[in-house]
Amino acid sequence: MEFHVILTLAQSAEDGGNYATINRIVKANPGNTRKGLLNWAFQKAPEGFEGANIVFFSAEPNVLPSSESEVGA
């Protein structure tokens, strides 16, 4: 199943105060977890963001409902 994963990180002021966002579509195997996707995204962060603070994290299925009734219309 595909997931849309977004992770935004912030460095501390001592480390430059920069932000980085990882925004990817990831194929996950049955049994994978949101924590596993978070760890994967953290590994994709640019150099220098190894202990950065998590500002935002989302891992949602990369599918839309197939009919209006599934949206609640």
N, C-alpha and C. Protein backbone atom coordinates (compact mmCIF):
# COMPACT_ATOMS: atom_id res chain seq x y z
N MET A 1 0.84 -1.17 0.00
CA MET A 1 0.00 0.00 0.00
C MET A 1 0.89 1.25 0.00
N GLU A 2 0.46 2.25 -0.71
CA GLU A 2 1.22 3.50 -0.77
C GLU A 2 0.75 4.48 0.30
N PHE A 3 1.71 5.19 0.89
CA PHE A 3 1.44 6.22 1.87
C PHE A 3 2.08 7.53 1.44
N HIS A 4 1.40 8.62 1.73
CA HIS A 4 1.98 9.95 1.54
C HIS A 4 2.55 10.34 2.90
N VAL A 5 3.88 10.48 2.95
CA VAL A 5 4.58 10.77 4.20
C VAL A 5 5.14 12.18 4.13
N ILE A 6 4.85 12.97 5.17
CA ILE A 6 5.39 14.32 5.29
C ILE A 6 6.02 14.44 6.68
N LEU A 7 7.25 14.89 6.73
CA LEU A 7 7.95 15.12 7.99
C LEU A 7 8.66 16.46 7.90
N THR A 8 8.36 17.35 8.84
CA THR A 8 9.07 18.63 8.91
C THR A 8 9.88 18.65 10.20
N LEU A 9 11.14 18.99 10.06
CA LEU A 9 12.08 19.03 11.19
C LEU A 9 12.61 20.44 11.37
N ALA A 10 12.95 20.78 12.61
CA ALA A 10 13.55 22.08 12.92
C ALA A 10 14.81 21.87 13.74
N GLN A 11 15.90 22.49 13.29
CA GLN A 11 17.14 22.47 14.06
C GLN A 11 17.01 23.44 15.23
N SER A 12 17.78 23.21 16.27
CA SER A 12 17.82 24.17 17.37
C SER A 12 18.53 25.44 16.89
N ALA A 13 18.34 26.53 17.61
CA ALA A 13 18.98 27.80 17.25
C ALA A 13 20.50 27.64 17.23
N GLU A 14 21.04 26.83 18.15
CA GLU A 14 22.49 26.62 18.19
C GLU A 14 23.00 25.91 16.94
N ASP A 15 22.13 25.11 16.31
CA ASP A 15 22.52 24.38 15.11
C ASP A 15 22.14 25.11 13.82
N GLY A 16 21.65 26.34 13.93
CA GLY A 16 21.35 27.12 12.74
C GLY A 16 19.90 27.52 12.60
N GLY A 17 19.00 26.86 13.33
CA GLY A 17 17.59 27.22 13.28
C GLY A 17 16.92 26.97 11.95
N ASN A 18 17.43 26.05 11.15
CA ASN A 18 16.85 25.75 9.84
C ASN A 18 15.73 24.71 9.93
N TYR A 19 14.94 24.64 8.87
CA TYR A 19 13.86 23.66 8.74
C TYR A 19 14.12 22.78 7.53
N ALA A 20 13.62 21.56 7.59
CA ALA A 20 13.67 20.65 6.44
C ALA A 20 12.37 19.87 6.39
N THR A 21 11.84 19.66 5.19
CA THR A 21 10.62 18.87 5.02
C THR A 21 10.88 17.74 4.03
N ILE A 22 10.48 16.54 4.44
CA ILE A 22 10.52 15.37 3.58
C ILE A 22 9.07 15.12 3.16
N ASN A 23 8.82 15.02 1.87
CA ASN A 23 7.47 14.88 1.33
C ASN A 23 7.54 13.81 0.24
N ARG A 24 7.15 12.58 0.56
CA ARG A 24 7.33 11.47 -0.38
C ARG A 24 6.14 10.52 -0.38
N ILE A 25 6.02 9.77 -1.46
CA ILE A 25 5.10 8.65 -1.56
C ILE A 25 5.94 7.39 -1.29
N VAL A 26 5.49 6.57 -0.34
CA VAL A 26 6.26 5.41 0.10
C VAL A 26 5.38 4.16 -0.01
N LYS A 27 5.94 3.09 -0.53
CA LYS A 27 5.25 1.81 -0.53
C LYS A 27 5.60 1.08 0.77
N ALA A 28 4.56 0.75 1.54
CA ALA A 28 4.76 0.05 2.80
C ALA A 28 4.24 -1.37 2.67
N ASN A 29 4.91 -2.28 3.31
CA ASN A 29 4.50 -3.69 3.31
C ASN A 29 3.50 -3.94 4.44
N PRO A 30 2.67 -4.97 4.31
CA PRO A 30 1.78 -5.32 5.42
C PRO A 30 2.60 -5.52 6.70
N GLY A 31 2.09 -4.99 7.79
CA GLY A 31 2.81 -5.10 9.06
C GLY A 31 3.68 -3.90 9.37
N ASN A 32 3.96 -3.04 8.36
CA ASN A 32 4.71 -1.82 8.65
C ASN A 32 3.87 -0.92 9.55
N THR A 33 4.54 -0.03 10.26
CA THR A 33 3.85 0.85 11.21
C THR A 33 4.13 2.32 10.89
N ARG A 34 3.33 3.22 11.49
CA ARG A 34 3.58 4.65 11.35
C ARG A 34 4.96 4.99 11.93
N LYS A 35 5.34 4.35 13.04
CA LYS A 35 6.66 4.59 13.62
C LYS A 35 7.75 4.19 12.64
N GLY A 36 7.55 3.10 11.93
CA GLY A 36 8.51 2.68 10.92
C GLY A 36 8.63 3.70 9.80
N LEU A 37 7.49 4.28 9.38
CA LEU A 37 7.52 5.31 8.35
C LEU A 37 8.19 6.58 8.87
N LEU A 38 7.97 6.91 10.14
CA LEU A 38 8.65 8.06 10.74
C LEU A 38 10.16 7.83 10.76
N ASN A 39 10.59 6.66 11.17
CA ASN A 39 12.03 6.36 11.19
C ASN A 39 12.61 6.42 9.78
N TRP A 40 11.87 5.91 8.79
CA TRP A 40 12.33 5.97 7.40
C TRP A 40 12.51 7.42 6.97
N ALA A 41 11.50 8.27 7.26
CA ALA A 41 11.57 9.68 6.86
C ALA A 41 12.73 10.39 7.55
N PHE A 42 12.96 10.08 8.84
CA PHE A 42 14.07 10.69 9.57
C PHE A 42 15.41 10.37 8.88
N GLN A 43 15.54 9.15 8.37
CA GLN A 43 16.77 8.75 7.67
C GLN A 43 16.97 9.52 6.37
N LYS A 44 15.88 10.05 5.79
CA LYS A 44 15.97 10.81 4.55
C LYS A 44 16.27 12.29 4.79
N ALA A 45 16.31 12.71 6.04
CA ALA A 45 16.56 14.12 6.36
C ALA A 45 17.98 14.52 5.92
N PRO A 46 18.15 15.79 5.57
CA PRO A 46 19.47 16.26 5.18
C PRO A 46 20.49 16.14 6.31
N GLU A 47 21.73 16.11 5.95
CA GLU A 47 22.80 16.06 6.94
C GLU A 47 22.68 17.25 7.89
N GLY A 48 22.91 17.00 9.17
CA GLY A 48 22.83 18.06 10.16
C GLY A 48 21.51 18.11 10.91
N PHE A 49 20.53 17.27 10.47
CA PHE A 49 19.23 17.26 11.14
C PHE A 49 19.07 16.04 12.03
N GLU A 50 20.15 15.36 12.39
CA GLU A 50 20.09 14.12 13.21
C GLU A 50 19.46 14.34 14.56
N GLY A 51 19.17 14.98 15.25
CA GLY A 51 18.53 15.22 16.56
C GLY A 51 17.56 16.37 16.50
N ALA A 52 17.14 16.75 15.29
CA ALA A 52 16.22 17.89 15.14
C ALA A 52 14.86 17.58 15.76
N ASN A 53 14.15 18.63 16.05
CA ASN A 53 12.79 18.50 16.59
C ASN A 53 11.78 18.24 15.48
N ILE A 54 10.82 17.37 15.77
CA ILE A 54 9.74 17.11 14.83
C ILE A 54 8.70 18.21 14.97
N VAL A 55 8.45 18.93 13.89
CA VAL A 55 7.45 19.99 13.87
C VAL A 55 6.13 19.42 13.36
N PHE A 56 6.20 18.53 12.37
CA PHE A 56 4.99 17.96 11.78
C PHE A 56 5.32 16.59 11.21
N PHE A 57 4.39 15.64 11.39
CA PHE A 57 4.53 14.32 10.79
C PHE A 57 3.14 13.83 10.38
N SER A 58 3.05 13.30 9.17
CA SER A 58 1.81 12.71 8.68
C SER A 58 2.16 11.52 7.80
N ALA A 59 1.42 10.43 7.97
CA ALA A 59 1.54 9.25 7.11
C ALA A 59 0.12 8.78 6.82
N GLU A 60 -0.38 9.12 5.63
CA GLU A 60 -1.75 8.82 5.25
C GLU A 60 -1.77 7.95 3.99
N PRO A 61 -2.75 7.05 3.88
CA PRO A 61 -2.87 6.27 2.65
C PRO A 61 -2.97 7.20 1.44
N ASN A 62 -2.29 6.86 0.38
CA ASN A 62 -2.26 7.69 -0.83
C ASN A 62 -3.39 7.29 -1.78
N VAL A 63 -4.61 7.27 -1.26
CA VAL A 63 -5.79 6.97 -2.07
C VAL A 63 -6.89 7.93 -1.68
N LEU A 64 -7.77 8.22 -2.63
CA LEU A 64 -8.94 9.02 -2.36
C LEU A 64 -10.16 8.12 -2.38
N PRO A 65 -11.23 8.51 -1.69
CA PRO A 65 -12.45 7.69 -1.72
C PRO A 65 -12.92 7.51 -3.17
N SER A 66 -13.55 6.38 -3.43
CA SER A 66 -13.97 6.09 -4.79
C SER A 66 -15.36 6.62 -5.12
N SER A 67 -16.09 7.14 -4.12
CA SER A 67 -17.40 7.72 -4.39
C SER A 67 -17.70 8.83 -3.39
N GLU A 68 -18.66 9.68 -3.73
CA GLU A 68 -19.03 10.77 -2.85
C GLU A 68 -19.56 10.27 -1.51
N SER A 69 -20.22 9.12 -1.50
CA SER A 69 -20.78 8.60 -0.26
C SER A 69 -19.70 8.28 0.76
N GLU A 70 -18.48 7.97 0.30
CA GLU A 70 -17.38 7.69 1.20
C GLU A 70 -16.80 8.95 1.80
N VAL A 71 -17.06 10.10 1.18
CA VAL A 71 -16.55 11.38 1.67
C VAL A 71 -17.49 11.94 2.73
N GLY A 72 -18.73 11.50 2.75
CA GLY A 72 -19.70 11.99 3.70
C GLY A 72 -20.64 13.01 3.08
N ALA A 73 -20.71 13.07 1.75
CA ALA A 73 -21.57 14.04 1.06
C ALA A 73 -23.02 13.60 1.07
